[in-house]
Amino acid sequence: MVHTGEESWQRVPIDPQSVAAPLSRAAVFLVVTVKDDPAAVATVKDVLSGMTDLVKTVGFRDLGARLSCNVGIGAAVWPRLTDVAPPRELHPFREVRGAVHTAVSTPGDLLFHIRAERDDFTFELERQLLDLLGDAVEVADETVGFRYFDARDLLGFVDGTANPAGGDMATATIVDDEDPEHAGGSYIVVQKYLHDLATWNRLPVPAQEGVIGRTKVENIELPDADYGQKSHKTLATITDESGVEHEILRDNMPFGRPGHGEFGTYFIGYSRDLWVIERMLERMFVGDPAGSHDRILDFSTATTGSTFFAPTRGFLESLGG
């Protein structure tokens, strides 16, 4: 679908979650599964309906910390939480298997993307949230992210340069009247990548820049390659059949435990159209043309993969009694 930018979301009041919140200094990415039990589902619905109040309860201590939490709901748990038909593109993460690398699919019913300028606030919100959820859920993945210098990943490159800005952000991320029952929502895809930093750091900087498609120090975009494997920047740029480019919002965060040799990037992409992120992953893992995968995957391994939909705040509130 081609989006003109002159969209009805600009005319009709909606209450999306904090999708367009500024990039933060701290984040927690919490993925849980919901137990197959009516009491567990009831607890989850009650907690989700009170998320706005919970964020306020923790965040009032320092409004400058800009605490927020986006809730994503997975396809498998959706019909257990509501009788409302799911968003039209929502389905479980589809594994993408290339000749060399695979984007794996892993369990996840709910995503809590917690952001703030202070890591004590992200910690406290997660703590209180899990206390409320209790044994209704099981933690599938918990990743604590941090801002690394001037928004760089652990490979040393600036991350998120291609994000939309201004009014383009809502156009790229917020569902409109193409799915009116879910207008104001946003699709979310998350993946956890682990980096082989030792091998990466042995590459000369010009070779690293060729993989990424930007200069390392200045973050200047490099021309597309005329032949051979394309850069990450090129493969992650999605255009439709009409030649219109479709953007997504990345809020990636580095994470790591040097004492355990763990270094990674948590990818989180928000999009108005799920197919945009899915096509990006296909281009990265299968290649364009097929067999010419994204060379960043030779140094970064995807260990998780889940898809969610972030409904409006009003939808979450409606889940409570």
C-alpha atoms as a PDB file:
ATOM      1  CA  MET A   1       0.000   0.000   0.000  1.00  0.00           C
ATOM      2  CA  VAL A   2       1.305   3.439  -0.938  1.00  0.00           C
ATOM      3  CA  HIS A   3       1.030   6.067   1.786  1.00  0.00           C
ATOM      4  CA  THR A   4       0.798   9.653   0.602  1.00  0.00           C
ATOM      5  CA  GLY A   5       1.390  11.346   3.951  1.00  0.00           C
ATOM      6  CA  GLU A   6      -1.959  13.201   3.713  1.00  0.00           C
ATOM      7  CA  GLU A   7      -3.668  10.571   5.822  1.00  0.00           C
ATOM      8  CA  SER A   8      -6.812  10.363   7.912  1.00  0.00           C
ATOM      9  CA  TRP A   9      -4.810   9.651  11.102  1.00  0.00           C
ATOM     10  CA  GLN A  10      -4.049  13.377  10.975  1.00  0.00           C
ATOM     11  CA  ARG A  11      -7.798  14.145  11.057  1.00  0.00           C
ATOM     12  CA  VAL A  12      -9.244  11.541  13.434  1.00  0.00           C
ATOM     13  CA  PRO A  13      -8.202  11.583  17.115  1.00  0.00           C
ATOM     14  CA  ILE A  14      -6.543   8.313  18.116  1.00  0.00           C
ATOM     15  CA  ASP A  15      -4.535   7.323  21.161  1.00  0.00           C
ATOM     16  CA  PRO A  16      -1.546   5.287  20.018  1.00  0.00           C
ATOM     17  CA  GLN A  17       0.943   4.028  22.547  1.00  0.00           C
ATOM     18  CA  SER A  18       4.329   5.763  22.863  1.00  0.00           C
ATOM     19  CA  VAL A  19       5.601   4.443  19.540  1.00  0.00           C
ATOM     20  CA  ALA A  20       7.069   7.801  18.538  1.00  0.00           C
ATOM     21  CA  ALA A  21       8.761   8.470  21.894  1.00  0.00           C
ATOM     22  CA  PRO A  22      12.326   9.814  21.533  1.00  0.00           C
ATOM     23  CA  LEU A  23      15.186   7.328  21.562  1.00  0.00           C
ATOM     24  CA  SER A  24      16.046   6.688  25.198  1.00  0.00           C
ATOM     25  CA  ARG A  25      19.221   6.124  27.178  1.00  0.00           C
ATOM     26  CA  ALA A  26      17.902   2.933  28.808  1.00  0.00           C
ATOM     27  CA  ALA A  27      15.470   0.206  27.804  1.00  0.00           C
ATOM     28  CA  VAL A  28      14.175  -3.191  28.847  1.00  0.00           C
ATOM     29  CA  PHE A  29      12.769  -5.626  26.290  1.00  0.00           C
ATOM     30  CA  LEU A  30      10.607  -8.159  28.103  1.00  0.00           C
ATOM     31  CA  VAL A  31       8.923 -10.998  26.190  1.00  0.00           C
ATOM     32  CA  VAL A  32       6.600 -13.343  28.075  1.00  0.00           C
ATOM     33  CA  THR A  33       4.259 -16.219  27.339  1.00  0.00           C
ATOM     34  CA  VAL A  34       0.834 -16.450  28.983  1.00  0.00           C
ATOM     35  CA  LYS A  35      -0.053 -19.679  30.761  1.00  0.00           C
ATOM     36  CA  ASP A  36      -2.937 -21.702  29.326  1.00  0.00           C
ATOM     37  CA  ASP A  37      -5.287 -21.051  32.213  1.00  0.00           C
ATOM     38  CA  PRO A  38      -8.408 -18.823  32.454  1.00  0.00           C
ATOM     39  CA  ALA A  39      -7.182 -17.303  35.719  1.00  0.00           C
ATOM     40  CA  ALA A  40      -3.871 -16.383  34.088  1.00  0.00           C
ATOM     41  CA  VAL A  41      -5.655 -14.743  31.156  1.00  0.00           C
ATOM     42  CA  ALA A  42      -7.853 -12.768  33.547  1.00  0.00           C
ATOM     43  CA  THR A  43      -4.788 -11.533  35.422  1.00  0.00           C
ATOM     44  CA  VAL A  44      -3.064 -10.499  32.204  1.00  0.00           C
ATOM     45  CA  LYS A  45      -6.136  -8.595  30.976  1.00  0.00           C
ATOM     46  CA  ASP A  46      -6.372  -6.756  34.279  1.00  0.00           C
ATOM     47  CA  VAL A  47      -2.682  -5.792  34.216  1.00  0.00           C
ATOM     48  CA  LEU A  48      -2.759  -4.667  30.584  1.00  0.00           C
ATOM     49  CA  SER A  49      -5.809  -2.494  31.216  1.00  0.00           C
ATOM     50  CA  GLY A  50      -3.914  -0.671  33.962  1.00  0.00           C
ATOM     51  CA  MET A  51      -0.602  -0.113  32.161  1.00  0.00           C
ATOM     52  CA  THR A  52      -1.112   3.648  31.750  1.00  0.00           C
ATOM     53  CA  ASP A  53      -1.652   4.055  35.488  1.00  0.00           C
ATOM     54  CA  LEU A  54       1.295   1.804  36.324  1.00  0.00           C
ATOM     55  CA  VAL A  55       3.646   3.898  34.169  1.00  0.00           C
ATOM     56  CA  LYS A  56       2.362   7.039  35.891  1.00  0.00           C
ATOM     57  CA  THR A  57       2.834   5.500  39.336  1.00  0.00           C
ATOM     58  CA  VAL A  58       6.513   4.808  38.672  1.00  0.00           C
ATOM     59  CA  GLY A  59       7.243   7.760  36.420  1.00  0.00           C
ATOM     60  CA  PHE A  60       5.908  10.596  38.580  1.00  0.00           C
ATOM     61  CA  ARG A  61       9.106  10.548  40.672  1.00  0.00           C
ATOM     62  CA  ASP A  62      10.971  12.258  37.841  1.00  0.00           C
ATOM     63  CA  LEU A  63       8.979  13.335  34.793  1.00  0.00           C
ATOM     64  CA  GLY A  64      12.249  14.209  33.098  1.00  0.00           C
ATOM     65  CA  ALA A  65      13.078  10.500  33.023  1.00  0.00           C
ATOM     66  CA  ARG A  66      10.396  10.122  30.285  1.00  0.00           C
ATOM     67  CA  LEU A  67       9.335   6.657  31.349  1.00  0.00           C
ATOM     68  CA  SER A  68       7.134   4.811  28.855  1.00  0.00           C
ATOM     69  CA  CYS A  69       6.102   1.262  28.069  1.00  0.00           C
ATOM     70  CA  ASN A  70       4.698  -0.063  24.819  1.00  0.00           C
ATOM     71  CA  VAL A  71       2.732  -3.310  25.007  1.00  0.00           C
ATOM     72  CA  GLY A  72       2.698  -5.684  22.040  1.00  0.00           C
ATOM     73  CA  ILE A  73       0.260  -8.598  21.746  1.00  0.00           C
ATOM     74  CA  GLY A  74       1.124 -11.736  19.768  1.00  0.00           C
ATOM     75  CA  ALA A  75      -1.144 -13.611  17.361  1.00  0.00           C
ATOM     76  CA  ALA A  76      -1.458 -16.777  19.467  1.00  0.00           C
ATOM     77  CA  VAL A  77      -2.697 -15.018  22.605  1.00  0.00           C
ATOM     78  CA  TRP A  78      -4.865 -12.394  20.861  1.00  0.00           C
ATOM     79  CA  PRO A  79      -8.089 -14.472  20.741  1.00  0.00           C
ATOM     80  CA  ARG A  80      -7.625 -15.437  24.404  1.00  0.00           C
ATOM     81  CA  LEU A  81      -7.653 -11.769  25.431  1.00  0.00           C
ATOM     82  CA  THR A  82     -10.439 -10.331  23.301  1.00  0.00           C
ATOM     83  CA  ASP A  83     -13.322 -11.137  20.958  1.00  0.00           C
ATOM     84  CA  VAL A  84     -12.179  -8.363  18.611  1.00  0.00           C
ATOM     85  CA  ALA A  85     -10.800  -9.787  15.370  1.00  0.00           C
ATOM     86  CA  PRO A  86      -7.002  -9.511  15.203  1.00  0.00           C
ATOM     87  CA  PRO A  87      -5.230  -6.947  13.033  1.00  0.00           C
ATOM     88  CA  ARG A  88      -5.308  -8.087   9.434  1.00  0.00           C
ATOM     89  CA  GLU A  89      -1.542  -8.677   9.075  1.00  0.00           C
ATOM     90  CA  LEU A  90      -0.878 -10.137  12.533  1.00  0.00           C
ATOM     91  CA  HIS A  91       0.572 -13.645  12.562  1.00  0.00           C
ATOM     92  CA  PRO A  92       3.421 -15.425  14.356  1.00  0.00           C
ATOM     93  CA  PHE A  93       6.954 -14.553  13.277  1.00  0.00           C
ATOM     94  CA  ARG A  94       7.760 -16.524  10.138  1.00  0.00           C
ATOM     95  CA  GLU A  95      11.174 -18.113  10.038  1.00  0.00           C
ATOM     96  CA  VAL A  96      13.306 -16.854   7.160  1.00  0.00           C
ATOM     97  CA  ARG A  97      15.785 -19.497   6.058  1.00  0.00           C
ATOM     98  CA  GLY A  98      18.542 -18.480   3.684  1.00  0.00           C
ATOM     99  CA  ALA A  99      21.306 -20.579   2.184  1.00  0.00           C
ATOM    100  CA  VAL A 100      23.680 -19.591   5.006  1.00  0.00           C
ATOM    101  CA  HIS A 101      21.749 -17.823   7.781  1.00  0.00           C
ATOM    102  CA  THR A 102      18.308 -18.165   9.381  1.00  0.00           C
ATOM    103  CA  ALA A 103      16.009 -15.671  11.086  1.00  0.00           C
ATOM    104  CA  VAL A 104      14.613 -17.954  13.778  1.00  0.00           C
ATOM    105  CA  SER A 105      11.102 -17.822  15.219  1.00  0.00           C
ATOM    106  CA  THR A 106      10.801 -18.000  19.013  1.00  0.00           C
ATOM    107  CA  PRO A 107       7.844 -17.980  21.465  1.00  0.00           C
ATOM    108  CA  GLY A 108       6.316 -14.728  22.685  1.00  0.00           C
ATOM    109  CA  ASP A 109       2.765 -13.763  23.615  1.00  0.00           C
ATOM    110  CA  LEU A 110       3.418 -10.281  25.022  1.00  0.00           C
ATOM    111  CA  LEU A 111       6.157  -7.721  24.567  1.00  0.00           C
ATOM    112  CA  PHE A 112       6.820  -4.932  27.051  1.00  0.00           C
ATOM    113  CA  HIS A 113       9.155  -2.309  25.566  1.00  0.00           C
ATOM    114  CA  ILE A 114      10.126  -0.171  28.545  1.00  0.00           C
ATOM    115  CA  ARG A 115      12.056   3.051  27.884  1.00  0.00           C
ATOM    116  CA  ALA A 116      13.425   5.868  30.028  1.00  0.00           C
ATOM    117  CA  GLU A 117      16.340   8.225  30.459  1.00  0.00           C
ATOM    118  CA  ARG A 118      17.212   6.446  33.728  1.00  0.00           C
ATOM    119  CA  ASP A 119      17.827   2.730  34.115  1.00  0.00           C
ATOM    120  CA  ASP A 120      16.464   2.721  37.682  1.00  0.00           C
ATOM    121  CA  PHE A 121      13.076   3.695  36.222  1.00  0.00           C
ATOM    122  CA  THR A 122      13.076   0.896  33.644  1.00  0.00           C
ATOM    123  CA  PHE A 123      14.108  -1.532  36.391  1.00  0.00           C
ATOM    124  CA  GLU A 124      11.382  -0.406  38.767  1.00  0.00           C
ATOM    125  CA  LEU A 125       8.619  -0.549  36.172  1.00  0.00           C
ATOM    126  CA  GLU A 126       9.665  -4.048  35.129  1.00  0.00           C
ATOM    127  CA  ARG A 127       9.815  -5.155  38.762  1.00  0.00           C
ATOM    128  CA  GLN A 128       6.333  -3.897  39.561  1.00  0.00           C
ATOM    129  CA  LEU A 129       4.946  -5.233  36.288  1.00  0.00           C
ATOM    130  CA  LEU A 130       6.228  -8.764  36.923  1.00  0.00           C
ATOM    131  CA  ASP A 131       4.947  -8.637  40.499  1.00  0.00           C
ATOM    132  CA  LEU A 132       1.465  -7.866  39.158  1.00  0.00           C
ATOM    133  CA  LEU A 133       1.615 -10.562  36.478  1.00  0.00           C
ATOM    134  CA  GLY A 134       2.887 -13.144  38.967  1.00  0.00           C
ATOM    135  CA  ASP A 135       2.686 -16.755  37.826  1.00  0.00           C
ATOM    136  CA  ALA A 136       0.242 -15.892  35.027  1.00  0.00           C
ATOM    137  CA  VAL A 137       3.213 -15.583  32.658  1.00  0.00           C
ATOM    138  CA  GLU A 138       6.617 -17.092  32.020  1.00  0.00           C
ATOM    139  CA  VAL A 139       9.544 -14.952  30.900  1.00  0.00           C
ATOM    140  CA  ALA A 140      10.747 -16.014  27.445  1.00  0.00           C
ATOM    141  CA  ASP A 141      13.401 -13.315  27.107  1.00  0.00           C
ATOM    142  CA  GLU A 142      14.589 -10.338  29.130  1.00  0.00           C
ATOM    143  CA  THR A 143      17.150  -7.992  27.611  1.00  0.00           C
ATOM    144  CA  VAL A 144      18.447  -4.801  29.182  1.00  0.00           C
ATOM    145  CA  GLY A 145      19.623  -2.248  26.627  1.00  0.00           C
ATOM    146  CA  PHE A 146      21.687   0.900  26.952  1.00  0.00           C
ATOM    147  CA  ARG A 147      22.665   3.889  24.844  1.00  0.00           C
ATOM    148  CA  TYR A 148      26.236   3.434  23.590  1.00  0.00           C
ATOM    149  CA  PHE A 149      28.055   6.730  23.034  1.00  0.00           C
ATOM    150  CA  ASP A 150      26.380   8.707  20.210  1.00  0.00           C
ATOM    151  CA  ALA A 151      23.666   6.091  19.480  1.00  0.00           C
ATOM    152  CA  ARG A 152      26.139   3.531  18.134  1.00  0.00           C
ATOM    153  CA  ASP A 153      25.813  -0.235  18.143  1.00  0.00           C
ATOM    154  CA  LEU A 154      28.597  -2.438  19.486  1.00  0.00           C
ATOM    155  CA  LEU A 155      29.924  -2.848  15.949  1.00  0.00           C
ATOM    156  CA  GLY A 156      30.868   0.825  16.206  1.00  0.00           C
ATOM    157  CA  PHE A 157      28.347   2.313  13.741  1.00  0.00           C
ATOM    158  CA  VAL A 158      25.541   4.790  14.361  1.00  0.00           C
ATOM    159  CA  ASP A 159      22.235   2.897  14.474  1.00  0.00           C
ATOM    160  CA  GLY A 160      18.828   4.228  13.417  1.00  0.00           C
ATOM    161  CA  THR A 161      20.035   6.905  11.012  1.00  0.00           C
ATOM    162  CA  ALA A 162      17.310   6.037   8.488  1.00  0.00           C
ATOM    163  CA  ASN A 163      14.449   6.491  10.962  1.00  0.00           C
ATOM    164  CA  PRO A 164      11.551   8.677   9.815  1.00  0.00           C
ATOM    165  CA  ALA A 165      11.183  12.073  11.472  1.00  0.00           C
ATOM    166  CA  GLY A 166       8.401  14.553  12.115  1.00  0.00           C
ATOM    167  CA  GLY A 167       5.067  13.752  10.514  1.00  0.00           C
ATOM    168  CA  ASP A 168       6.667  10.939   8.510  1.00  0.00           C
ATOM    169  CA  MET A 169       7.072   8.938  11.719  1.00  0.00           C
ATOM    170  CA  ALA A 170       3.336   8.489  12.244  1.00  0.00           C
ATOM    171  CA  THR A 171       2.780   7.782   8.555  1.00  0.00           C
ATOM    172  CA  ALA A 172       5.396   5.001   8.685  1.00  0.00           C
ATOM    173  CA  THR A 173       4.334   3.422  11.976  1.00  0.00           C
ATOM    174  CA  ILE A 174       0.645   3.987  12.741  1.00  0.00           C
ATOM    175  CA  VAL A 175      -2.168   1.943  11.170  1.00  0.00           C
ATOM    176  CA  ASP A 176      -4.890   4.073   9.613  1.00  0.00           C
ATOM    177  CA  ASP A 177      -8.196   3.360   7.865  1.00  0.00           C
ATOM    178  CA  GLU A 178      -6.767   0.441   5.865  1.00  0.00           C
ATOM    179  CA  ASP A 179      -7.667  -1.504   9.052  1.00  0.00           C
ATOM    180  CA  PRO A 180     -10.113   0.841  10.827  1.00  0.00           C
ATOM    181  CA  GLU A 181     -10.813  -1.424  13.790  1.00  0.00           C
ATOM    182  CA  HIS A 182      -7.110  -1.219  14.688  1.00  0.00           C
ATOM    183  CA  ALA A 183      -6.331   2.337  13.604  1.00  0.00           C
ATOM    184  CA  GLY A 184      -3.754   3.863  15.915  1.00  0.00           C
ATOM    185  CA  GLY A 185      -1.896   0.586  16.404  1.00  0.00           C
ATOM    186  CA  SER A 186       1.492  -0.509  15.153  1.00  0.00           C
ATOM    187  CA  TYR A 187       3.152  -3.789  14.185  1.00  0.00           C
ATOM    188  CA  ILE A 188       6.321  -4.722  16.054  1.00  0.00           C
ATOM    189  CA  VAL A 189       9.059  -7.204  15.174  1.00  0.00           C
ATOM    190  CA  VAL A 190      11.853  -7.996  17.621  1.00  0.00           C
ATOM    191  CA  GLN A 191      15.048  -9.974  17.176  1.00  0.00           C
ATOM    192  CA  LYS A 192      18.041 -10.470  19.441  1.00  0.00           C
ATOM    193  CA  TYR A 193      21.374 -10.513  17.594  1.00  0.00           C
ATOM    194  CA  LEU A 194      24.639 -11.716  19.109  1.00  0.00           C
ATOM    195  CA  HIS A 195      27.841 -10.323  17.584  1.00  0.00           C
ATOM    196  CA  ASP A 196      31.159 -12.045  16.976  1.00  0.00           C
ATOM    197  CA  LEU A 197      33.116  -8.923  17.888  1.00  0.00           C
ATOM    198  CA  ALA A 198      36.524 -10.602  17.757  1.00  0.00           C
ATOM    199  CA  THR A 199      36.075 -11.514  14.091  1.00  0.00           C
ATOM    200  CA  TRP A 200      34.378  -8.214  13.245  1.00  0.00           C
ATOM    201  CA  ASN A 201      37.163  -6.157  14.779  1.00  0.00           C
ATOM    202  CA  ARG A 202      39.753  -7.964  12.677  1.00  0.00           C
ATOM    203  CA  LEU A 203      38.109  -6.514   9.558  1.00  0.00           C
ATOM    204  CA  PRO A 204      39.763  -3.318   8.287  1.00  0.00           C
ATOM    205  CA  VAL A 205      37.503  -0.295   8.729  1.00  0.00           C
ATOM    206  CA  PRO A 206      36.938   0.140   4.953  1.00  0.00           C
ATOM    207  CA  ALA A 207      35.686  -3.456   4.786  1.00  0.00           C
ATOM    208  CA  GLN A 208      33.368  -2.823   7.750  1.00  0.00           C
ATOM    209  CA  GLU A 209      32.038   0.275   6.012  1.00  0.00           C
ATOM    210  CA  GLY A 210      31.337  -1.772   2.897  1.00  0.00           C
ATOM    211  CA  VAL A 211      29.273  -4.228   4.934  1.00  0.00           C
ATOM    212  CA  ILE A 212      27.212  -1.508   6.612  1.00  0.00           C
ATOM    213  CA  GLY A 213      26.996   0.972   3.723  1.00  0.00           C
ATOM    214  CA  ARG A 214      28.082   4.011   5.773  1.00  0.00           C
ATOM    215  CA  THR A 215      31.335   5.496   6.968  1.00  0.00           C
ATOM    216  CA  LYS A 216      32.181   4.530  10.525  1.00  0.00           C
ATOM    217  CA  VAL A 217      33.245   7.854  12.013  1.00  0.00           C
ATOM    218  CA  GLU A 218      31.190  10.411  10.079  1.00  0.00           C
ATOM    219  CA  ASN A 219      28.122   8.184   9.425  1.00  0.00           C
ATOM    220  CA  ILE A 220      28.023   9.263   5.774  1.00  0.00           C
ATOM    221  CA  GLU A 221      25.995   7.072   3.422  1.00  0.00           C
ATOM    222  CA  LEU A 222      28.083   5.267   0.814  1.00  0.00           C
ATOM    223  CA  PRO A 223      26.964   4.651  -2.786  1.00  0.00           C
ATOM    224  CA  ASP A 224      25.259   1.337  -3.489  1.00  0.00           C
ATOM    225  CA  ALA A 225      27.551  -1.366  -4.834  1.00  0.00           C
ATOM    226  CA  ASP A 226      27.359  -1.911  -8.579  1.00  0.00           C
ATOM    227  CA  TYR A 227      27.897  -5.672  -8.230  1.00  0.00           C
ATOM    228  CA  GLY A 228      28.385  -8.407  -5.634  1.00  0.00           C
ATOM    229  CA  GLN A 229      26.692  -8.545  -2.255  1.00  0.00           C
ATOM    230  CA  LYS A 230      24.792  -5.416  -1.318  1.00  0.00           C
ATOM    231  CA  SER A 231      25.370  -3.504   1.894  1.00  0.00           C
ATOM    232  CA  HIS A 232      23.135  -3.748   4.956  1.00  0.00           C
ATOM    233  CA  LYS A 233      21.914  -0.213   4.274  1.00  0.00           C
ATOM    234  CA  THR A 234      20.795  -1.155   0.751  1.00  0.00           C
ATOM    235  CA  LEU A 235      19.124  -4.442   1.684  1.00  0.00           C
ATOM    236  CA  ALA A 236      17.217  -2.803   4.550  1.00  0.00           C
ATOM    237  CA  THR A 237      15.758  -0.151   2.234  1.00  0.00           C
ATOM    238  CA  ILE A 238      12.317  -1.289   1.049  1.00  0.00           C
ATOM    239  CA  THR A 239      10.488   0.064  -1.981  1.00  0.00           C
ATOM    240  CA  ASP A 240       7.191  -1.195  -3.365  1.00  0.00           C
ATOM    241  CA  GLU A 241       6.242  -2.024  -6.947  1.00  0.00           C
ATOM    242  CA  SER A 242       5.589   1.660  -7.630  1.00  0.00           C
ATOM    243  CA  GLY A 243       9.051   2.672  -6.489  1.00  0.00           C
ATOM    244  CA  VAL A 244       7.782   4.238  -3.227  1.00  0.00           C
ATOM    245  CA  GLU A 245      10.102   3.758  -0.268  1.00  0.00           C
ATOM    246  CA  HIS A 246       8.506   2.458   2.943  1.00  0.00           C
ATOM    247  CA  GLU A 247      10.162   3.360   6.234  1.00  0.00           C
ATOM    248  CA  ILE A 248      10.043   1.725   9.653  1.00  0.00           C
ATOM    249  CA  LEU A 249      11.000   3.053  13.066  1.00  0.00           C
ATOM    250  CA  ARG A 250      13.962   1.278  14.650  1.00  0.00           C
ATOM    251  CA  ASP A 251      14.553   1.659  18.376  1.00  0.00           C
ATOM    252  CA  ASN A 252      17.460  -0.769  18.575  1.00  0.00           C
ATOM    253  CA  MET A 253      19.628  -0.979  21.689  1.00  0.00           C
ATOM    254  CA  PRO A 254      23.025  -2.521  22.405  1.00  0.00           C
ATOM    255  CA  PHE A 255      23.255  -5.021  25.235  1.00  0.00           C
ATOM    256  CA  GLY A 256      26.050  -7.145  26.601  1.00  0.00           C
ATOM    257  CA  ARG A 257      27.925  -8.899  29.374  1.00  0.00           C
ATOM    258  CA  PRO A 258      31.662  -8.638  28.712  1.00  0.00           C
ATOM    259  CA  GLY A 259      32.409 -11.133  31.474  1.00  0.00           C
ATOM    260  CA  HIS A 260      30.372 -13.723  29.577  1.00  0.00           C
ATOM    261  CA  GLY A 261      31.635 -12.743  26.137  1.00  0.00           C
ATOM    262  CA  GLU A 262      28.130 -11.574  25.180  1.00  0.00           C
ATOM    263  CA  PHE A 263      27.770  -8.592  22.865  1.00  0.00           C
ATOM    264  CA  GLY A 264      24.661  -7.837  20.894  1.00  0.00           C
ATOM    265  CA  THR A 265      22.006  -5.623  19.387  1.00  0.00           C
ATOM    266  CA  TYR A 266      18.325  -5.907  20.200  1.00  0.00           C
ATOM    267  CA  PHE A 267      16.434  -5.077  17.032  1.00  0.00           C
ATOM    268  CA  ILE A 268      12.944  -3.658  17.449  1.00  0.00           C
ATOM    269  CA  GLY A 269      11.072  -2.331  14.450  1.00  0.00           C
ATOM    270  CA  TYR A 270       7.723  -0.514  14.488  1.00  0.00           C
ATOM    271  CA  SER A 271       5.773  -0.410  11.241  1.00  0.00           C
ATOM    272  CA  ARG A 272       2.367   0.482   9.861  1.00  0.00           C
ATOM    273  CA  ASP A 273       2.666  -2.504   7.516  1.00  0.00           C
ATOM    274  CA  LEU A 274       4.123  -5.774   8.752  1.00  0.00           C
ATOM    275  CA  TRP A 275       5.084  -6.805   5.235  1.00  0.00           C
ATOM    276  CA  VAL A 276       7.700  -4.032   5.130  1.00  0.00           C
ATOM    277  CA  ILE A 277       9.778  -5.576   7.921  1.00  0.00           C
ATOM    278  CA  GLU A 278       9.189  -9.083   6.590  1.00  0.00           C
ATOM    279  CA  ARG A 279      10.482  -8.087   3.157  1.00  0.00           C
ATOM    280  CA  MET A 280      13.511  -6.457   4.775  1.00  0.00           C
ATOM    281  CA  LEU A 281      14.343  -9.687   6.623  1.00  0.00           C
ATOM    282  CA  GLU A 282      13.872 -11.729   3.464  1.00  0.00           C
ATOM    283  CA  ARG A 283      16.287  -9.470   1.596  1.00  0.00           C
ATOM    284  CA  MET A 284      18.795  -9.735   4.441  1.00  0.00           C
ATOM    285  CA  PHE A 285      18.675 -13.484   5.025  1.00  0.00           C
ATOM    286  CA  VAL A 286      17.818 -14.858   1.561  1.00  0.00           C
ATOM    287  CA  GLY A 287      19.535 -12.103  -0.399  1.00  0.00           C
ATOM    288  CA  ASP A 288      18.769  -9.891  -3.347  1.00  0.00           C
ATOM    289  CA  PRO A 289      19.360 -11.682  -5.604  1.00  0.00           C
ATOM    290  CA  ALA A 290      18.863 -14.943  -3.700  1.00  0.00           C
ATOM    291  CA  GLY A 291      22.136 -16.277  -2.356  1.00  0.00           C
ATOM    292  CA  SER A 292      23.637 -12.825  -1.728  1.00  0.00           C
ATOM    293  CA  HIS A 293      22.772 -12.412   1.929  1.00  0.00           C
ATOM    294  CA  ASP A 294      23.457  -9.375   4.110  1.00  0.00           C
ATOM    295  CA  ARG A 295      27.121  -9.655   5.088  1.00  0.00           C
ATOM    296  CA  ILE A 296      26.393  -8.318   8.567  1.00  0.00           C
ATOM    297  CA  LEU A 297      24.894 -11.758   9.269  1.00  0.00           C
ATOM    298  CA  ASP A 298      28.355 -13.298   8.966  1.00  0.00           C
ATOM    299  CA  PHE A 299      29.145 -11.507  12.242  1.00  0.00           C
ATOM    300  CA  SER A 300      25.691 -11.203  13.869  1.00  0.00           C
ATOM    301  CA  THR A 301      23.470 -14.195  14.675  1.00  0.00           C
ATOM    302  CA  ALA A 302      19.719 -13.860  15.266  1.00  0.00           C
ATOM    303  CA  THR A 303      18.806 -15.867  18.374  1.00  0.00           C
ATOM    304  CA  THR A 304      15.157 -14.772  18.772  1.00  0.00           C
ATOM    305  CA  GLY A 305      12.329 -13.609  16.526  1.00  0.00           C
ATOM    306  CA  SER A 306       8.786 -12.598  17.496  1.00  0.00           C
ATOM    307  CA  THR A 307       5.979 -10.480  16.049  1.00  0.00           C
ATOM    308  CA  PHE A 308       3.443  -8.377  17.959  1.00  0.00           C
ATOM    309  CA  PHE A 309       0.814  -5.690  17.518  1.00  0.00           C
ATOM    310  CA  ALA A 310       0.726  -2.626  19.761  1.00  0.00           C
ATOM    311  CA  PRO A 311      -2.933  -1.580  19.997  1.00  0.00           C
ATOM    312  CA  THR A 312      -4.100   1.809  21.209  1.00  0.00           C
ATOM    313  CA  ARG A 313      -4.172   2.733  24.874  1.00  0.00           C
ATOM    314  CA  GLY A 314      -7.962   2.696  24.705  1.00  0.00           C
ATOM    315  CA  PHE A 315      -7.919  -0.893  23.473  1.00  0.00           C
ATOM    316  CA  LEU A 316      -5.676  -1.974  26.358  1.00  0.00           C
ATOM    317  CA  GLU A 317      -7.901  -0.191  28.876  1.00  0.00           C
ATOM    318  CA  SER A 318     -10.960  -1.967  27.442  1.00  0.00           C
ATOM    319  CA  LEU A 319      -9.505  -5.354  28.384  1.00  0.00           C
ATOM    320  CA  GLY A 320     -10.209  -4.718  32.062  1.00  0.00           C
ATOM    321  CA  GLY A 321     -13.616  -5.905  33.472  1.00  0.00           C
END
